[in-house]
């Protein structure tokens, strides 16, 4: 069965080559998560930042497993709630949680900070649901505005159990058999390089993604920044950071006429 992205690629005349480099790993009711639920319910957390749909759902699931979902939802009515993008916002609306602030596209940390410029954070206890990993730029910026900040991971992105499709992709790139490679998350870059390194193919992969052949595409600014840090080039980035826009931009680059 084709993924949503694979279906979009086919719709625009392409042939998808799936090679997942991520595996979503839920951390469950860790001591850190239990404390977060407790602190939200007690009113200790005054500002809650939801960065992803997966993490938002995981928090509510953890509260439910502790028998505290209703208590958590009630406590959030008194907190300042920030959604980084439409994905966590959709989960919050599903649970009927109000949203005080949400940045405009492309939903970067800088956009989020701009959206809450008028929010007084001095002395406030702020909890940030981690984006699958630490976001030092965001937490340090919040701390600089006087907040006490903690970043909590409810899930992480591990390597896939089967890396053979990724290794086959790297070989296909080296052989010039791939016309375009799309990245839809910054986490993918580190995982791809880790898999390549384990196979002794990191340097050749970096060279291909820096010099060619093929088109290298990024879903948006956050992903682009990480790609450039890794030495990759970015040939395509859509105006709006959505999967559909990414595929359309790639199709236009590959078939300009």
Protein backbone atom coordinates (compact mmCIF):
# COMPACT_ATOMS: atom_id res chain seq x y z
CA UNK A 1 0.00 0.00 0.00
CA UNK A 2 1.38 3.39 -1.03
CA UNK A 3 2.00 6.08 1.55
CA UNK A 4 0.39 9.49 1.15
CA UNK A 5 3.66 10.83 -0.21
CA UNK A 6 4.07 7.90 -2.59
CA UNK A 7 0.56 8.48 -3.94
CA UNK A 8 1.33 12.16 -4.50
CA UNK A 9 4.52 11.29 -6.38
CA UNK A 10 2.63 8.89 -8.65
CA UNK A 11 -0.10 11.47 -9.23
CA UNK A 12 2.54 13.80 -10.65
CA UNK A 13 4.04 11.11 -12.87
CA UNK A 14 6.90 9.95 -10.67
CA UNK A 15 7.93 6.55 -9.35
CA UNK A 16 8.27 6.48 -5.54
CA UNK A 17 11.33 4.86 -3.98
CA UNK A 18 10.51 4.51 -0.27
CA UNK A 19 13.45 4.21 2.10
CA UNK A 20 12.37 5.19 5.64
CA UNK A 21 15.20 6.35 7.89
CA UNK A 22 13.01 6.93 10.97
CA UNK A 23 11.20 4.78 13.47
CA UNK A 24 8.89 6.52 15.93
CA UNK A 25 9.56 5.33 19.49
CA UNK A 26 7.10 6.31 22.21
CA UNK A 27 8.78 6.69 25.59
CA UNK A 28 5.67 5.95 27.65
CA UNK A 29 5.11 7.03 31.24
CA UNK A 30 8.64 8.01 32.13
CA UNK A 31 9.35 9.79 35.42
CA UNK A 32 9.79 13.01 33.46
CA UNK A 33 6.39 12.65 31.74
CA UNK A 34 4.63 11.68 35.00
CA UNK A 35 6.08 14.79 36.63
CA UNK A 36 4.93 16.94 33.70
CA UNK A 37 1.37 15.64 33.98
CA UNK A 38 1.47 16.26 37.73
CA UNK A 39 2.80 19.79 37.31
CA UNK A 40 0.21 20.69 34.67
CA UNK A 41 -2.57 19.36 36.88
CA UNK A 42 -1.28 21.30 39.91
CA UNK A 43 -0.99 24.55 37.94
CA UNK A 44 2.80 24.67 38.28
CA UNK A 45 3.14 24.77 34.48
CA UNK A 46 1.84 28.18 33.43
CA UNK A 47 2.74 28.02 29.72
CA UNK A 48 2.59 24.81 27.66
CA UNK A 49 4.18 24.64 24.22
CA UNK A 50 2.96 21.82 21.97
CA UNK A 51 5.34 21.33 19.04
CA UNK A 52 4.06 18.20 17.28
CA UNK A 53 0.87 16.25 16.81
CA UNK A 54 2.56 12.99 17.84
CA UNK A 55 3.91 14.49 21.06
CA UNK A 56 0.63 16.21 21.91
CA UNK A 57 -1.31 12.96 21.53
CA UNK A 58 1.33 11.12 23.58
CA UNK A 59 0.89 13.56 26.46
CA UNK A 60 -2.88 13.07 26.54
CA UNK A 61 -2.43 9.31 26.25
CA UNK A 62 -0.04 9.36 29.21
CA UNK A 63 -2.47 11.41 31.29
CA UNK A 64 -5.21 8.92 30.42
CA UNK A 65 -3.04 5.94 31.42
CA UNK A 66 -2.49 7.64 34.79
CA UNK A 67 -6.22 8.26 35.19
CA UNK A 68 -5.68 12.02 34.99
CA UNK A 69 -6.89 13.00 31.51
CA UNK A 70 -9.92 15.00 32.71
CA UNK A 71 -7.79 16.69 35.38
CA UNK A 72 -5.14 17.61 32.83
CA UNK A 73 -7.67 19.02 30.37
CA UNK A 74 -9.28 21.07 33.12
CA UNK A 75 -5.89 22.44 34.23
CA UNK A 76 -5.01 23.50 30.68
CA UNK A 77 -7.99 25.86 30.69
CA UNK A 78 -6.01 28.07 33.10
CA UNK A 79 -2.67 27.78 31.27
CA UNK A 80 -1.34 29.66 28.26
CA UNK A 81 -1.36 27.14 25.42
CA UNK A 82 0.90 27.50 22.39
CA UNK A 83 0.70 25.28 19.28
CA UNK A 84 3.69 25.42 16.96
CA UNK A 85 1.79 24.33 13.83
CA UNK A 86 -1.52 22.92 12.57
CA UNK A 87 -0.58 19.36 13.56
CA UNK A 88 -0.52 19.88 17.34
CA UNK A 89 -3.37 22.37 16.93
CA UNK A 90 -5.54 19.63 15.41
CA UNK A 91 -4.90 17.36 18.41
CA UNK A 92 -5.63 20.17 20.85
CA UNK A 93 -8.91 20.95 19.13
CA UNK A 94 -9.83 17.27 19.21
CA UNK A 95 -9.50 17.43 22.99
CA UNK A 96 -11.26 20.83 23.08
CA UNK A 97 -8.18 22.59 24.44
CA UNK A 98 -8.04 26.32 23.70
CA UNK A 99 -5.06 27.69 21.74
CA UNK A 100 -3.73 31.10 22.74
CA UNK A 101 -0.94 31.42 20.19
CA UNK A 102 0.07 29.74 16.92
CA UNK A 103 2.67 31.15 14.51
CA UNK A 104 2.11 31.60 10.77
CA UNK A 105 3.88 29.56 8.11
CA UNK A 106 6.49 28.18 7.91
CA UNK A 107 6.04 27.39 11.64
CA UNK A 108 9.71 27.68 12.61
CA UNK A 109 11.00 28.37 16.12
CA UNK A 110 11.66 31.96 15.02
CA UNK A 111 8.05 32.28 13.85
CA UNK A 112 6.83 30.91 17.18
CA UNK A 113 8.95 33.37 19.15
CA UNK A 114 7.69 36.24 17.02
CA UNK A 115 4.08 35.13 17.57
CA UNK A 116 4.51 35.36 21.35
CA UNK A 117 6.55 38.57 21.48
CA UNK A 118 3.82 40.26 23.50
CA UNK A 119 3.59 37.45 26.06
CA UNK A 120 5.16 38.24 29.42
CA UNK A 121 7.31 35.23 30.34
CA UNK A 122 9.21 36.76 33.23
CA UNK A 123 9.17 34.30 36.12
CA UNK A 124 6.81 31.95 34.26
CA UNK A 125 7.15 28.16 34.38
CA UNK A 126 7.18 26.99 30.74
CA UNK A 127 7.04 23.39 29.52
CA UNK A 128 8.00 22.59 25.95
CA UNK A 129 6.96 19.30 24.36
CA UNK A 130 10.11 18.27 22.50
CA UNK A 131 10.14 17.91 18.74
CA UNK A 132 11.54 14.37 18.87
CA UNK A 133 14.77 15.90 20.20
CA UNK A 134 16.13 19.03 21.94
CA UNK A 135 15.46 22.50 20.53
CA UNK A 136 18.12 24.64 22.22
CA UNK A 137 17.35 27.72 20.13
CA UNK A 138 13.78 27.80 21.39
CA UNK A 139 14.47 26.96 25.03
CA UNK A 140 17.37 29.41 25.28
CA UNK A 141 15.29 32.19 23.73
CA UNK A 142 12.48 31.55 26.24
CA UNK A 143 14.96 31.53 29.11
CA UNK A 144 16.41 34.83 27.88
CA UNK A 145 12.95 36.31 28.31
CA UNK A 146 12.90 35.32 31.96
CA UNK A 147 11.09 32.00 31.83
CA UNK A 148 11.98 28.83 33.70
CA UNK A 149 11.96 26.28 30.88
CA UNK A 150 11.92 22.50 30.73
CA UNK A 151 11.81 20.48 27.52
CA UNK A 152 10.15 17.08 27.77
CA UNK A 153 10.46 14.24 25.25
CA UNK A 154 7.42 12.01 24.90
CA UNK A 155 8.82 10.18 21.90
CA UNK A 156 12.00 9.96 19.91
CA UNK A 157 13.04 8.99 16.41
CA UNK A 158 15.16 5.86 16.23
CA UNK A 159 16.73 4.10 13.28
CA UNK A 160 14.51 1.65 11.39
CA UNK A 161 14.90 -2.02 12.27
CA UNK A 162 15.57 -2.81 8.61
CA UNK A 163 18.06 -0.43 7.02
CA UNK A 164 18.46 -2.42 3.78
CA UNK A 165 16.09 -0.11 1.79
CA UNK A 166 18.19 2.88 2.87
CA UNK A 167 21.44 1.19 1.86
CA UNK A 168 19.87 0.28 -1.49
CA UNK A 169 18.85 3.92 -1.92
CA UNK A 170 22.40 5.11 -1.24
CA UNK A 171 23.71 2.69 -3.88
CA UNK A 172 21.03 3.82 -6.34
CA UNK A 173 22.02 7.46 -5.76
CA UNK A 174 25.66 6.57 -6.43
CA UNK A 175 24.65 4.82 -9.66
CA UNK A 176 22.62 7.82 -10.83
CA UNK A 177 19.36 5.88 -10.73
CA UNK A 178 17.53 8.39 -8.52
CA UNK A 179 16.32 11.62 -10.10
CA UNK A 180 15.27 13.35 -6.88
CA UNK A 181 15.62 12.88 -3.13
CA UNK A 182 13.14 14.57 -0.77
CA UNK A 183 13.60 15.30 2.92
CA UNK A 184 10.46 15.98 4.97
CA UNK A 185 11.98 16.26 8.47
CA UNK A 186 15.25 17.53 9.88
CA UNK A 187 15.62 14.30 11.91
CA UNK A 188 15.97 12.35 8.66
CA UNK A 189 19.32 13.96 7.88
CA UNK A 190 21.12 12.71 10.98
CA UNK A 191 19.61 9.24 10.73
CA UNK A 192 20.50 8.91 7.05
CA UNK A 193 24.10 9.89 7.75
CA UNK A 194 24.25 7.50 10.72
CA UNK A 195 23.08 4.57 8.58
CA UNK A 196 25.54 5.53 5.84
CA UNK A 197 28.40 5.80 8.33
CA UNK A 198 27.71 2.35 9.76
CA UNK A 199 28.00 0.97 6.21
CA UNK A 200 31.13 2.96 5.38
CA UNK A 201 29.25 5.09 2.84
CA UNK A 202 28.93 8.44 4.64
CA UNK A 203 31.54 10.40 2.70
CA UNK A 204 30.35 9.20 -0.71
CA UNK A 205 26.75 10.01 0.25
CA UNK A 206 27.74 13.50 1.41
CA UNK A 207 29.58 14.08 -1.86
CA UNK A 208 26.53 13.03 -3.91
CA UNK A 209 24.17 15.24 -1.90
CA UNK A 210 26.57 18.18 -2.14
CA UNK A 211 27.50 17.90 -5.82
CA UNK A 212 24.95 15.70 -7.60
CA UNK A 213 23.62 14.03 -9.59
CA UNK A 214 19.90 14.41 -9.00
CA UNK A 215 17.67 17.01 -7.40
CA UNK A 216 17.73 17.41 -3.61
CA UNK A 217 14.56 18.80 -2.05
CA UNK A 218 13.56 20.09 1.39
CA UNK A 219 10.05 20.47 2.77
CA UNK A 220 10.80 23.78 4.49
CA UNK A 221 13.21 26.14 6.28
CA UNK A 222 13.85 24.01 9.38
CA UNK A 223 14.76 20.99 7.27
CA UNK A 224 16.78 23.17 4.88
CA UNK A 225 18.87 24.59 7.72
CA UNK A 226 19.79 21.10 8.92
CA UNK A 227 20.60 19.95 5.38
CA UNK A 228 22.92 22.89 4.81
CA UNK A 229 24.63 22.20 8.16
CA UNK A 230 25.30 18.65 6.93
CA UNK A 231 26.82 19.98 3.71
CA UNK A 232 23.90 18.99 1.48
CA UNK A 233 22.74 21.31 -1.24
CA UNK A 234 19.06 22.25 -1.48
CA UNK A 235 17.75 22.54 -5.03
CA UNK A 236 14.05 22.75 -4.17
CA UNK A 237 12.12 24.19 -1.24
CA UNK A 238 8.40 24.99 -1.66
CA UNK A 239 6.94 28.36 -0.67
CA UNK A 240 4.72 26.62 1.88
CA UNK A 241 6.09 23.76 4.05
CA UNK A 242 3.60 21.05 3.14
CA UNK A 243 4.13 17.65 1.57
CA UNK A 244 1.83 18.38 -1.37
CA UNK A 245 3.65 21.63 -2.15
CA UNK A 246 6.99 19.82 -1.91
CA UNK A 247 5.99 17.18 -4.48
CA UNK A 248 4.56 19.84 -6.80
CA UNK A 249 7.76 21.92 -6.57
CA UNK A 250 9.86 18.83 -7.33
CA UNK A 251 7.67 17.96 -10.33
CA UNK A 252 8.04 21.49 -11.69
CA UNK A 253 11.83 21.35 -11.23
CA UNK A 254 12.13 17.99 -12.98
CA UNK A 255 9.67 18.87 -15.77
CA UNK A 256 9.88 22.66 -16.24
CA UNK A 257 7.88 22.54 -19.47
